[in-house]
mmCIF file of all heavy atoms, coordinates in Angstrom:
data_MODEL
# 
_entry.id   MODEL 
# 
loop_
_atom_site.group_PDB 
_atom_site.id 
_atom_site.type_symbol 
_atom_site.label_atom_id 
_atom_site.label_alt_id 
_atom_site.label_comp_id 
_atom_site.label_asym_id 
_atom_site.label_entity_id 
_atom_site.label_seq_id 
_atom_site.pdbx_PDB_ins_code 
_atom_site.Cartn_x 
_atom_site.Cartn_y 
_atom_site.Cartn_z 
_atom_site.occupancy 
_atom_site.B_iso_or_equiv 
_atom_site.pdbx_formal_charge 
_atom_site.auth_seq_id 
_atom_site.auth_comp_id 
_atom_site.auth_asym_id 
_atom_site.auth_atom_id 
_atom_site.pdbx_PDB_model_num 
ATOM 1   N N   . ASN A 1 1  ? 5.700   2.679   -0.822  1.00 0.00 ? 1  ASN A N   1 
ATOM 2   C CA  . ASN A 1 1  ? 5.347   3.948   -1.457  1.00 0.00 ? 1  ASN A CA  1 
ATOM 3   C C   . ASN A 1 1  ? 6.435   4.394   -2.433  1.00 0.00 ? 1  ASN A C   1 
ATOM 4   O O   . ASN A 1 1  ? 6.131   4.851   -3.537  1.00 0.00 ? 1  ASN A O   1 
ATOM 5   C CB  . ASN A 1 1  ? 5.093   5.026   -0.408  1.00 0.00 ? 1  ASN A CB  1 
ATOM 6   C CG  . ASN A 1 1  ? 3.739   4.873   0.241   1.00 0.00 ? 1  ASN A CG  1 
ATOM 7   O OD1 . ASN A 1 1  ? 2.835   4.257   -0.310  1.00 0.00 ? 1  ASN A OD1 1 
ATOM 8   N ND2 . ASN A 1 1  ? 3.600   5.425   1.432   1.00 0.00 ? 1  ASN A ND2 1 
ATOM 9   N N   . ASP A 1 2  ? 7.694   4.274   -2.037  1.00 0.00 ? 2  ASP A N   1 
ATOM 10  C CA  . ASP A 1 2  ? 8.797   4.632   -2.940  1.00 0.00 ? 2  ASP A CA  1 
ATOM 11  C C   . ASP A 1 2  ? 8.715   3.826   -4.234  1.00 0.00 ? 2  ASP A C   1 
ATOM 12  O O   . ASP A 1 2  ? 8.833   4.371   -5.329  1.00 0.00 ? 2  ASP A O   1 
ATOM 13  C CB  . ASP A 1 2  ? 10.156  4.384   -2.277  1.00 0.00 ? 2  ASP A CB  1 
ATOM 14  C CG  . ASP A 1 2  ? 10.479  5.386   -1.185  1.00 0.00 ? 2  ASP A CG  1 
ATOM 15  O OD1 . ASP A 1 2  ? 9.891   6.490   -1.182  1.00 0.00 ? 2  ASP A OD1 1 
ATOM 16  O OD2 . ASP A 1 2  ? 11.332  5.069   -0.335  1.00 0.00 ? 2  ASP A OD2 1 
ATOM 17  N N   . ARG A 1 3  ? 8.511   2.524   -4.091  1.00 0.00 ? 3  ARG A N   1 
ATOM 18  C CA  . ARG A 1 3  ? 8.428   1.650   -5.262  1.00 0.00 ? 3  ARG A CA  1 
ATOM 19  C C   . ARG A 1 3  ? 7.218   1.971   -6.138  1.00 0.00 ? 3  ARG A C   1 
ATOM 20  O O   . ARG A 1 3  ? 7.312   1.989   -7.368  1.00 0.00 ? 3  ARG A O   1 
ATOM 21  C CB  . ARG A 1 3  ? 8.335   0.201   -4.803  1.00 0.00 ? 3  ARG A CB  1 
ATOM 22  C CG  . ARG A 1 3  ? 9.506   -0.616  -5.245  1.00 0.00 ? 3  ARG A CG  1 
ATOM 23  C CD  . ARG A 1 3  ? 9.457   -1.980  -4.628  1.00 0.00 ? 3  ARG A CD  1 
ATOM 24  N NE  . ARG A 1 3  ? 9.371   -2.987  -5.672  1.00 0.00 ? 3  ARG A NE  1 
ATOM 25  C CZ  . ARG A 1 3  ? 9.362   -4.277  -5.437  1.00 0.00 ? 3  ARG A CZ  1 
ATOM 26  N NH1 . ARG A 1 3  ? 9.414   -4.727  -4.211  1.00 0.00 ? 3  ARG A NH1 1 
ATOM 27  N NH2 . ARG A 1 3  ? 9.291   -5.126  -6.420  1.00 0.00 ? 3  ARG A NH2 1 
ATOM 28  N N   . LEU A 1 4  ? 6.075   2.204   -5.507  1.00 0.00 ? 4  LEU A N   1 
ATOM 29  C CA  . LEU A 1 4  ? 4.870   2.523   -6.267  1.00 0.00 ? 4  LEU A CA  1 
ATOM 30  C C   . LEU A 1 4  ? 5.041   3.824   -7.046  1.00 0.00 ? 4  LEU A C   1 
ATOM 31  O O   . LEU A 1 4  ? 4.717   3.888   -8.240  1.00 0.00 ? 4  LEU A O   1 
ATOM 32  C CB  . LEU A 1 4  ? 3.667   2.643   -5.323  1.00 0.00 ? 4  LEU A CB  1 
ATOM 33  C CG  . LEU A 1 4  ? 3.122   1.339   -4.757  1.00 0.00 ? 4  LEU A CG  1 
ATOM 34  C CD1 . LEU A 1 4  ? 2.158   1.617   -3.615  1.00 0.00 ? 4  LEU A CD1 1 
ATOM 35  C CD2 . LEU A 1 4  ? 2.451   0.516   -5.843  1.00 0.00 ? 4  LEU A CD2 1 
ATOM 36  N N   . ILE A 1 5  ? 5.549   4.835   -6.390  1.00 0.00 ? 5  ILE A N   1 
ATOM 37  C CA  . ILE A 1 5  ? 5.690   6.143   -7.029  1.00 0.00 ? 5  ILE A CA  1 
ATOM 38  C C   . ILE A 1 5  ? 6.712   6.083   -8.154  1.00 0.00 ? 5  ILE A C   1 
ATOM 39  O O   . ILE A 1 5  ? 6.489   6.634   -9.239  1.00 0.00 ? 5  ILE A O   1 
ATOM 40  C CB  . ILE A 1 5  ? 6.036   7.209   -5.978  1.00 0.00 ? 5  ILE A CB  1 
ATOM 41  C CG1 . ILE A 1 5  ? 4.811   7.433   -5.084  1.00 0.00 ? 5  ILE A CG1 1 
ATOM 42  C CG2 . ILE A 1 5  ? 6.485   8.513   -6.633  1.00 0.00 ? 5  ILE A CG2 1 
ATOM 43  C CD1 . ILE A 1 5  ? 5.080   8.219   -3.827  1.00 0.00 ? 5  ILE A CD1 1 
ATOM 44  N N   . LYS A 1 6  ? 7.818   5.383   -7.937  1.00 0.00 ? 6  LYS A N   1 
ATOM 45  C CA  . LYS A 1 6  ? 8.839   5.267   -8.985  1.00 0.00 ? 6  LYS A CA  1 
ATOM 46  C C   . LYS A 1 6  ? 8.327   4.498   -10.194 1.00 0.00 ? 6  LYS A C   1 
ATOM 47  O O   . LYS A 1 6  ? 8.837   4.670   -11.295 1.00 0.00 ? 6  LYS A O   1 
ATOM 48  C CB  . LYS A 1 6  ? 10.097  4.618   -8.429  1.00 0.00 ? 6  LYS A CB  1 
ATOM 49  C CG  . LYS A 1 6  ? 10.872  5.555   -7.529  1.00 0.00 ? 6  LYS A CG  1 
ATOM 50  C CD  . LYS A 1 6  ? 12.082  4.885   -6.935  1.00 0.00 ? 6  LYS A CD  1 
ATOM 51  C CE  . LYS A 1 6  ? 12.790  5.857   -6.012  1.00 0.00 ? 6  LYS A CE  1 
ATOM 52  N NZ  . LYS A 1 6  ? 13.877  5.208   -5.260  1.00 0.00 ? 6  LYS A NZ  1 
ATOM 53  N N   . SER A 1 7  ? 7.319   3.655   -9.992  1.00 0.00 ? 7  SER A N   1 
ATOM 54  C CA  . SER A 1 7  ? 6.754   2.921   -11.131 1.00 0.00 ? 7  SER A CA  1 
ATOM 55  C C   . SER A 1 7  ? 5.514   3.624   -11.696 1.00 0.00 ? 7  SER A C   1 
ATOM 56  O O   . SER A 1 7  ? 4.774   3.047   -12.489 1.00 0.00 ? 7  SER A O   1 
ATOM 57  C CB  . SER A 1 7  ? 6.427   1.480   -10.730 1.00 0.00 ? 7  SER A CB  1 
ATOM 58  O OG  . SER A 1 7  ? 5.412   1.440   -9.766  1.00 0.00 ? 7  SER A OG  1 
ATOM 59  N N   . GLY A 1 8  ? 5.279   4.861   -11.243 1.00 0.00 ? 8  GLY A N   1 
ATOM 60  C CA  . GLY A 1 8  ? 4.185   5.656   -11.802 1.00 0.00 ? 8  GLY A CA  1 
ATOM 61  C C   . GLY A 1 8  ? 2.831   5.388   -11.192 1.00 0.00 ? 8  GLY A C   1 
ATOM 62  O O   . GLY A 1 8  ? 1.800   5.737   -11.776 1.00 0.00 ? 8  GLY A O   1 
ATOM 63  N N   . ARG A 1 9  ? 2.794   4.773   -10.028 1.00 0.00 ? 9  ARG A N   1 
ATOM 64  C CA  . ARG A 1 9  ? 1.525   4.462   -9.366  1.00 0.00 ? 9  ARG A CA  1 
ATOM 65  C C   . ARG A 1 9  ? 1.328   5.338   -8.146  1.00 0.00 ? 9  ARG A C   1 
ATOM 66  O O   . ARG A 1 9  ? 2.249   5.986   -7.673  1.00 0.00 ? 9  ARG A O   1 
ATOM 67  C CB  . ARG A 1 9  ? 1.504   2.993   -8.967  1.00 0.00 ? 9  ARG A CB  1 
ATOM 68  C CG  . ARG A 1 9  ? 1.603   2.097   -10.192 1.00 0.00 ? 9  ARG A CG  1 
ATOM 69  C CD  . ARG A 1 9  ? 1.562   0.664   -9.813  1.00 0.00 ? 9  ARG A CD  1 
ATOM 70  N NE  . ARG A 1 9  ? 1.608   -0.143  -11.036 1.00 0.00 ? 9  ARG A NE  1 
ATOM 71  C CZ  . ARG A 1 9  ? 2.178   -1.314  -11.089 1.00 0.00 ? 9  ARG A CZ  1 
ATOM 72  N NH1 . ARG A 1 9  ? 2.744   -1.840  -10.041 1.00 0.00 ? 9  ARG A NH1 1 
ATOM 73  N NH2 . ARG A 1 9  ? 2.178   -1.978  -12.223 1.00 0.00 ? 9  ARG A NH2 1 
ATOM 74  N N   . LEU A 1 10 ? 0.117   5.323   -7.622  1.00 0.00 ? 10 LEU A N   1 
ATOM 75  C CA  . LEU A 1 10 ? -0.200  6.103   -6.423  1.00 0.00 ? 10 LEU A CA  1 
ATOM 76  C C   . LEU A 1 10 ? 0.282   5.365   -5.175  1.00 0.00 ? 10 LEU A C   1 
ATOM 77  O O   . LEU A 1 10 ? 0.342   4.143   -5.159  1.00 0.00 ? 10 LEU A O   1 
ATOM 78  C CB  . LEU A 1 10 ? -1.701  6.343   -6.341  1.00 0.00 ? 10 LEU A CB  1 
ATOM 79  C CG  . LEU A 1 10 ? -2.286  7.229   -7.436  1.00 0.00 ? 10 LEU A CG  1 
ATOM 80  C CD1 . LEU A 1 10 ? -3.797  7.259   -7.319  1.00 0.00 ? 10 LEU A CD1 1 
ATOM 81  C CD2 . LEU A 1 10 ? -1.714  8.631   -7.353  1.00 0.00 ? 10 LEU A CD2 1 
ATOM 82  N N   . PRO A 1 11 ? 0.594   6.112   -4.108  1.00 0.00 ? 11 PRO A N   1 
ATOM 83  C CA  . PRO A 1 11 ? 1.039   5.471   -2.869  1.00 0.00 ? 11 PRO A CA  1 
ATOM 84  C C   . PRO A 1 11 ? -0.088  4.709   -2.176  1.00 0.00 ? 11 PRO A C   1 
ATOM 85  O O   . PRO A 1 11 ? -1.254  4.802   -2.565  1.00 0.00 ? 11 PRO A O   1 
ATOM 86  C CB  . PRO A 1 11 ? 1.506   6.652   -2.014  1.00 0.00 ? 11 PRO A CB  1 
ATOM 87  C CG  . PRO A 1 11 ? 0.781   7.830   -2.546  1.00 0.00 ? 11 PRO A CG  1 
ATOM 88  C CD  . PRO A 1 11 ? 0.568   7.568   -4.010  1.00 0.00 ? 11 PRO A CD  1 
ATOM 89  N N   . VAL A 1 12 ? 0.273   3.967   -1.154  1.00 0.00 ? 12 VAL A N   1 
ATOM 90  C CA  . VAL A 1 12 ? -0.684  3.206   -0.352  1.00 0.00 ? 12 VAL A CA  1 
ATOM 91  C C   . VAL A 1 12 ? -1.694  4.183   0.256   1.00 0.00 ? 12 VAL A C   1 
ATOM 92  O O   . VAL A 1 12 ? -1.313  5.164   0.888   1.00 0.00 ? 12 VAL A O   1 
ATOM 93  C CB  . VAL A 1 12 ? 0.045   2.429   0.771   1.00 0.00 ? 12 VAL A CB  1 
ATOM 94  C CG1 . VAL A 1 12 ? -0.942  1.731   1.686   1.00 0.00 ? 12 VAL A CG1 1 
ATOM 95  C CG2 . VAL A 1 12 ? 1.042   1.451   0.181   1.00 0.00 ? 12 VAL A CG2 1 
ATOM 96  N N   . SER A 1 13 ? -2.969  3.914   0.052   1.00 0.00 ? 13 SER A N   1 
ATOM 97  C CA  . SER A 1 13 ? -4.003  4.793   0.597   1.00 0.00 ? 13 SER A CA  1 
ATOM 98  C C   . SER A 1 13 ? -4.207  4.491   2.078   1.00 0.00 ? 13 SER A C   1 
ATOM 99  O O   . SER A 1 13 ? -3.798  3.436   2.572   1.00 0.00 ? 13 SER A O   1 
ATOM 100 C CB  . SER A 1 13 ? -5.329  4.584   -0.150  1.00 0.00 ? 13 SER A CB  1 
ATOM 101 O OG  . SER A 1 13 ? -5.845  3.301   0.150   1.00 0.00 ? 13 SER A OG  1 
ATOM 102 N N   . CYS A 1 14 ? -4.847  5.399   2.781   1.00 0.00 ? 14 CYS A N   1 
ATOM 103 C CA  . CYS A 1 14 ? -5.152  5.156   4.207   1.00 0.00 ? 14 CYS A CA  1 
ATOM 104 C C   . CYS A 1 14 ? -6.037  3.930   4.356   1.00 0.00 ? 14 CYS A C   1 
ATOM 105 O O   . CYS A 1 14 ? -5.908  3.172   5.317   1.00 0.00 ? 14 CYS A O   1 
ATOM 106 C CB  . CYS A 1 14 ? -5.813  6.384   4.824   1.00 0.00 ? 14 CYS A CB  1 
ATOM 107 S SG  . CYS A 1 14 ? -4.668  7.752   5.082   1.00 0.00 ? 14 CYS A SG  1 
ATOM 108 N N   . GLY A 1 15 ? -6.912  3.691   3.395   1.00 0.00 ? 15 GLY A N   1 
ATOM 109 C CA  . GLY A 1 15 ? -7.790  2.525   3.445   1.00 0.00 ? 15 GLY A CA  1 
ATOM 110 C C   . GLY A 1 15 ? -7.060  1.211   3.231   1.00 0.00 ? 15 GLY A C   1 
ATOM 111 O O   . GLY A 1 15 ? -7.510  0.167   3.685   1.00 0.00 ? 15 GLY A O   1 
ATOM 112 N N   . ASP A 1 16 ? -5.922  1.244   2.532   1.00 0.00 ? 16 ASP A N   1 
ATOM 113 C CA  . ASP A 1 16 ? -5.129  0.038   2.291   1.00 0.00 ? 16 ASP A CA  1 
ATOM 114 C C   . ASP A 1 16 ? -4.004  -0.135  3.306   1.00 0.00 ? 16 ASP A C   1 
ATOM 115 O O   . ASP A 1 16 ? -3.294  -1.141  3.284   1.00 0.00 ? 16 ASP A O   1 
ATOM 116 C CB  . ASP A 1 16 ? -4.518  0.063   0.890   1.00 0.00 ? 16 ASP A CB  1 
ATOM 117 C CG  . ASP A 1 16 ? -5.542  -0.175  -0.200  1.00 0.00 ? 16 ASP A CG  1 
ATOM 118 O OD1 . ASP A 1 16 ? -6.585  -0.790  0.097   1.00 0.00 ? 16 ASP A OD1 1 
ATOM 119 O OD2 . ASP A 1 16 ? -5.304  0.247   -1.340  1.00 0.00 ? 16 ASP A OD2 1 
ATOM 120 N N   . TYR A 1 17 ? -3.831  0.864   4.188   1.00 0.00 ? 17 TYR A N   1 
ATOM 121 C CA  . TYR A 1 17 ? -2.770  0.774   5.197   1.00 0.00 ? 17 TYR A CA  1 
ATOM 122 C C   . TYR A 1 17 ? -2.998  -0.459  6.052   1.00 0.00 ? 17 TYR A C   1 
ATOM 123 O O   . TYR A 1 17 ? -4.129  -0.747  6.446   1.00 0.00 ? 17 TYR A O   1 
ATOM 124 C CB  . TYR A 1 17 ? -2.760  2.031   6.075   1.00 0.00 ? 17 TYR A CB  1 
ATOM 125 C CG  . TYR A 1 17 ? -1.497  2.174   6.886   1.00 0.00 ? 17 TYR A CG  1 
ATOM 126 C CD1 . TYR A 1 17 ? -0.377  2.761   6.328   1.00 0.00 ? 17 TYR A CD1 1 
ATOM 127 C CD2 . TYR A 1 17 ? -1.421  1.702   8.183   1.00 0.00 ? 17 TYR A CD2 1 
ATOM 128 C CE1 . TYR A 1 17 ? 0.792   2.886   7.059   1.00 0.00 ? 17 TYR A CE1 1 
ATOM 129 C CE2 . TYR A 1 17 ? -0.259  1.819   8.919   1.00 0.00 ? 17 TYR A CE2 1 
ATOM 130 C CZ  . TYR A 1 17 ? 0.845   2.414   8.356   1.00 0.00 ? 17 TYR A CZ  1 
ATOM 131 O OH  . TYR A 1 17 ? 2.003   2.536   9.069   1.00 0.00 ? 17 TYR A OH  1 
ATOM 132 N N   . PRO A 1 18 ? -1.950  -1.231  6.350   1.00 0.00 ? 18 PRO A N   1 
ATOM 133 C CA  . PRO A 1 18 ? -2.129  -2.490  7.084   1.00 0.00 ? 18 PRO A CA  1 
ATOM 134 C C   . PRO A 1 18 ? -2.594  -2.310  8.529   1.00 0.00 ? 18 PRO A C   1 
ATOM 135 O O   . PRO A 1 18 ? -1.799  -2.230  9.446   1.00 0.00 ? 18 PRO A O   1 
ATOM 136 C CB  . PRO A 1 18 ? -0.754  -3.157  7.026   1.00 0.00 ? 18 PRO A CB  1 
ATOM 137 C CG  . PRO A 1 18 ? 0.185   -2.169  6.492   1.00 0.00 ? 18 PRO A CG  1 
ATOM 138 C CD  . PRO A 1 18 ? -0.573  -1.023  5.943   1.00 0.00 ? 18 PRO A CD  1 
ATOM 139 N N   . SER A 1 19 ? -3.910  -2.249  8.698   1.00 0.00 ? 19 SER A N   1 
ATOM 140 C CA  . SER A 1 19 ? -4.500  -2.133  10.034  1.00 0.00 ? 19 SER A CA  1 
ATOM 141 C C   . SER A 1 19 ? -4.997  -3.491  10.529  1.00 0.00 ? 19 SER A C   1 
ATOM 142 O O   . SER A 1 19 ? -5.499  -3.599  11.638  1.00 0.00 ? 19 SER A O   1 
ATOM 143 C CB  . SER A 1 19 ? -5.646  -1.127  10.016  1.00 0.00 ? 19 SER A CB  1 
ATOM 144 O OG  . SER A 1 19 ? -6.629  -1.522  9.085   1.00 0.00 ? 19 SER A OG  1 
ATOM 145 N N   . SER A 1 20 ? -4.843  -4.507  9.702   1.00 0.00 ? 20 SER A N   1 
ATOM 146 C CA  . SER A 1 20 ? -5.231  -5.870  10.081  1.00 0.00 ? 20 SER A CA  1 
ATOM 147 C C   . SER A 1 20 ? -4.273  -6.839  9.382   1.00 0.00 ? 20 SER A C   1 
ATOM 148 O O   . SER A 1 20 ? -3.561  -6.463  8.441   1.00 0.00 ? 20 SER A O   1 
ATOM 149 C CB  . SER A 1 20 ? -6.659  -6.173  9.634   1.00 0.00 ? 20 SER A CB  1 
ATOM 150 O OG  . SER A 1 20 ? -6.731  -6.196  8.226   1.00 0.00 ? 20 SER A OG  1 
ATOM 151 N N   . GLU A 1 21 ? -4.267  -8.073  9.842   1.00 0.00 ? 21 GLU A N   1 
ATOM 152 C CA  . GLU A 1 21 ? -3.396  -9.071  9.213   1.00 0.00 ? 21 GLU A CA  1 
ATOM 153 C C   . GLU A 1 21 ? -3.786  -9.279  7.747   1.00 0.00 ? 21 GLU A C   1 
ATOM 154 O O   . GLU A 1 21 ? -2.923  -9.422  6.879   1.00 0.00 ? 21 GLU A O   1 
ATOM 155 C CB  . GLU A 1 21 ? -3.461  -10.391 9.968   1.00 0.00 ? 21 GLU A CB  1 
ATOM 156 C CG  . GLU A 1 21 ? -2.490  -11.424 9.426   1.00 0.00 ? 21 GLU A CG  1 
ATOM 157 C CD  . GLU A 1 21 ? -2.455  -12.702 10.240  1.00 0.00 ? 21 GLU A CD  1 
ATOM 158 O OE1 . GLU A 1 21 ? -3.413  -12.974 10.991  1.00 0.00 ? 21 GLU A OE1 1 
ATOM 159 O OE2 . GLU A 1 21 ? -1.467  -13.441 10.113  1.00 0.00 ? 21 GLU A OE2 1 
ATOM 160 N N   . LYS A 1 22 ? -5.071  -9.267  7.468   1.00 0.00 ? 22 LYS A N   1 
ATOM 161 C CA  . LYS A 1 22 ? -5.550  -9.452  6.094   1.00 0.00 ? 22 LYS A CA  1 
ATOM 162 C C   . LYS A 1 22 ? -5.002  -8.356  5.174   1.00 0.00 ? 22 LYS A C   1 
ATOM 163 O O   . LYS A 1 22 ? -4.533  -8.639  4.072   1.00 0.00 ? 22 LYS A O   1 
ATOM 164 C CB  . LYS A 1 22 ? -7.083  -9.439  6.090   1.00 0.00 ? 22 LYS A CB  1 
ATOM 165 C CG  . LYS A 1 22 ? -7.699  -9.683  4.753   1.00 0.00 ? 22 LYS A CG  1 
ATOM 166 C CD  . LYS A 1 22 ? -9.216  -9.704  4.864   1.00 0.00 ? 22 LYS A CD  1 
ATOM 167 C CE  . LYS A 1 22 ? -9.868  -9.905  3.518   1.00 0.00 ? 22 LYS A CE  1 
ATOM 168 N NZ  . LYS A 1 22 ? -11.331 -9.933  3.622   1.00 0.00 ? 22 LYS A NZ  1 
ATOM 169 N N   . LYS A 1 23 ? -5.046  -7.103  5.635   1.00 0.00 ? 23 LYS A N   1 
ATOM 170 C CA  . LYS A 1 23 ? -4.531  -5.998  4.818   1.00 0.00 ? 23 LYS A CA  1 
ATOM 171 C C   . LYS A 1 23 ? -3.016  -6.075  4.665   1.00 0.00 ? 23 LYS A C   1 
ATOM 172 O O   . LYS A 1 23 ? -2.477  -5.747  3.613   1.00 0.00 ? 23 LYS A O   1 
ATOM 173 C CB  . LYS A 1 23 ? -4.931  -4.650  5.418   1.00 0.00 ? 23 LYS A CB  1 
ATOM 174 C CG  . LYS A 1 23 ? -6.386  -4.321  5.206   1.00 0.00 ? 23 LYS A CG  1 
ATOM 175 C CD  . LYS A 1 23 ? -6.713  -2.943  5.718   1.00 0.00 ? 23 LYS A CD  1 
ATOM 176 C CE  . LYS A 1 23 ? -8.165  -2.590  5.463   1.00 0.00 ? 23 LYS A CE  1 
ATOM 177 N NZ  . LYS A 1 23 ? -8.474  -1.225  5.887   1.00 0.00 ? 23 LYS A NZ  1 
ATOM 178 N N   . LEU A 1 24 ? -2.318  -6.524  5.711   1.00 0.00 ? 24 LEU A N   1 
ATOM 179 C CA  . LEU A 1 24 ? -0.870  -6.671  5.634   1.00 0.00 ? 24 LEU A CA  1 
ATOM 180 C C   . LEU A 1 24 ? -0.504  -7.734  4.605   1.00 0.00 ? 24 LEU A C   1 
ATOM 181 O O   . LEU A 1 24 ? 0.367   -7.516  3.759   1.00 0.00 ? 24 LEU A O   1 
ATOM 182 C CB  . LEU A 1 24 ? -0.290  -7.024  7.003   1.00 0.00 ? 24 LEU A CB  1 
ATOM 183 C CG  . LEU A 1 24 ? 1.223   -7.264  7.046   1.00 0.00 ? 24 LEU A CG  1 
ATOM 184 C CD1 . LEU A 1 24 ? 1.991   -6.040  6.578   1.00 0.00 ? 24 LEU A CD1 1 
ATOM 185 C CD2 . LEU A 1 24 ? 1.650   -7.665  8.455   1.00 0.00 ? 24 LEU A CD2 1 
ATOM 186 N N   . ILE A 1 25 ? -1.184  -8.861  4.653   1.00 0.00 ? 25 ILE A N   1 
ATOM 187 C CA  . ILE A 1 25 ? -0.917  -9.939  3.693   1.00 0.00 ? 25 ILE A CA  1 
ATOM 188 C C   . ILE A 1 25 ? -1.198  -9.470  2.261   1.00 0.00 ? 25 ILE A C   1 
ATOM 189 O O   . ILE A 1 25 ? -0.425  -9.743  1.340   1.00 0.00 ? 25 ILE A O   1 
ATOM 190 C CB  . ILE A 1 25 ? -1.749  -11.193 4.050   1.00 0.00 ? 25 ILE A CB  1 
ATOM 191 C CG1 . ILE A 1 25 ? -1.209  -11.808 5.349   1.00 0.00 ? 25 ILE A CG1 1 
ATOM 192 C CG2 . ILE A 1 25 ? -1.743  -12.206 2.915   1.00 0.00 ? 25 ILE A CG2 1 
ATOM 193 C CD1 . ILE A 1 25 ? -2.087  -12.880 5.943   1.00 0.00 ? 25 ILE A CD1 1 
ATOM 194 N N   . ARG A 1 26 ? -2.282  -8.730  2.081   1.00 0.00 ? 26 ARG A N   1 
ATOM 195 C CA  . ARG A 1 26 ? -2.624  -8.210  0.755   1.00 0.00 ? 26 ARG A CA  1 
ATOM 196 C C   . ARG A 1 26 ? -1.542  -7.250  0.241   1.00 0.00 ? 26 ARG A C   1 
ATOM 197 O O   . ARG A 1 26 ? -1.151  -7.294  -0.925  1.00 0.00 ? 26 ARG A O   1 
ATOM 198 C CB  . ARG A 1 26 ? -3.974  -7.496  0.817   1.00 0.00 ? 26 ARG A CB  1 
ATOM 199 C CG  . ARG A 1 26 ? -4.501  -7.121  -0.544  1.00 0.00 ? 26 ARG A CG  1 
ATOM 200 C CD  . ARG A 1 26 ? -5.859  -6.458  -0.521  1.00 0.00 ? 26 ARG A CD  1 
ATOM 201 N NE  . ARG A 1 26 ? -6.676  -6.851  0.611   1.00 0.00 ? 26 ARG A NE  1 
ATOM 202 C CZ  . ARG A 1 26 ? -7.566  -6.063  1.197   1.00 0.00 ? 26 ARG A CZ  1 
ATOM 203 N NH1 . ARG A 1 26 ? -7.764  -4.851  0.767   1.00 0.00 ? 26 ARG A NH1 1 
ATOM 204 N NH2 . ARG A 1 26 ? -8.273  -6.475  2.213   1.00 0.00 ? 26 ARG A NH2 1 
ATOM 205 N N   . LEU A 1 27 ? -1.026  -6.397  1.135   1.00 0.00 ? 27 LEU A N   1 
ATOM 206 C CA  . LEU A 1 27 ? 0.002   -5.434  0.740   1.00 0.00 ? 27 LEU A CA  1 
ATOM 207 C C   . LEU A 1 27 ? 1.328   -6.132  0.435   1.00 0.00 ? 27 LEU A C   1 
ATOM 208 O O   . LEU A 1 27 ? 2.029   -5.758  -0.500  1.00 0.00 ? 27 LEU A O   1 
ATOM 209 C CB  . LEU A 1 27 ? 0.178   -4.382  1.832   1.00 0.00 ? 27 LEU A CB  1 
ATOM 210 C CG  . LEU A 1 27 ? 0.757   -3.049  1.399   1.00 0.00 ? 27 LEU A CG  1 
ATOM 211 C CD1 . LEU A 1 27 ? -0.096  -2.393  0.317   1.00 0.00 ? 27 LEU A CD1 1 
ATOM 212 C CD2 . LEU A 1 27 ? 0.894   -2.109  2.581   1.00 0.00 ? 27 LEU A CD2 1 
# 
C-alpha cells in the first residue's frame, strides 16, 4: 500500500487482499 500510494495508485482493495494462494501470488 505504501508503494502503491507513493506511485500515485490506489491501495490494495479488499477484493484483492490475499485470501488465497492465487491472490497472494498475483499480489
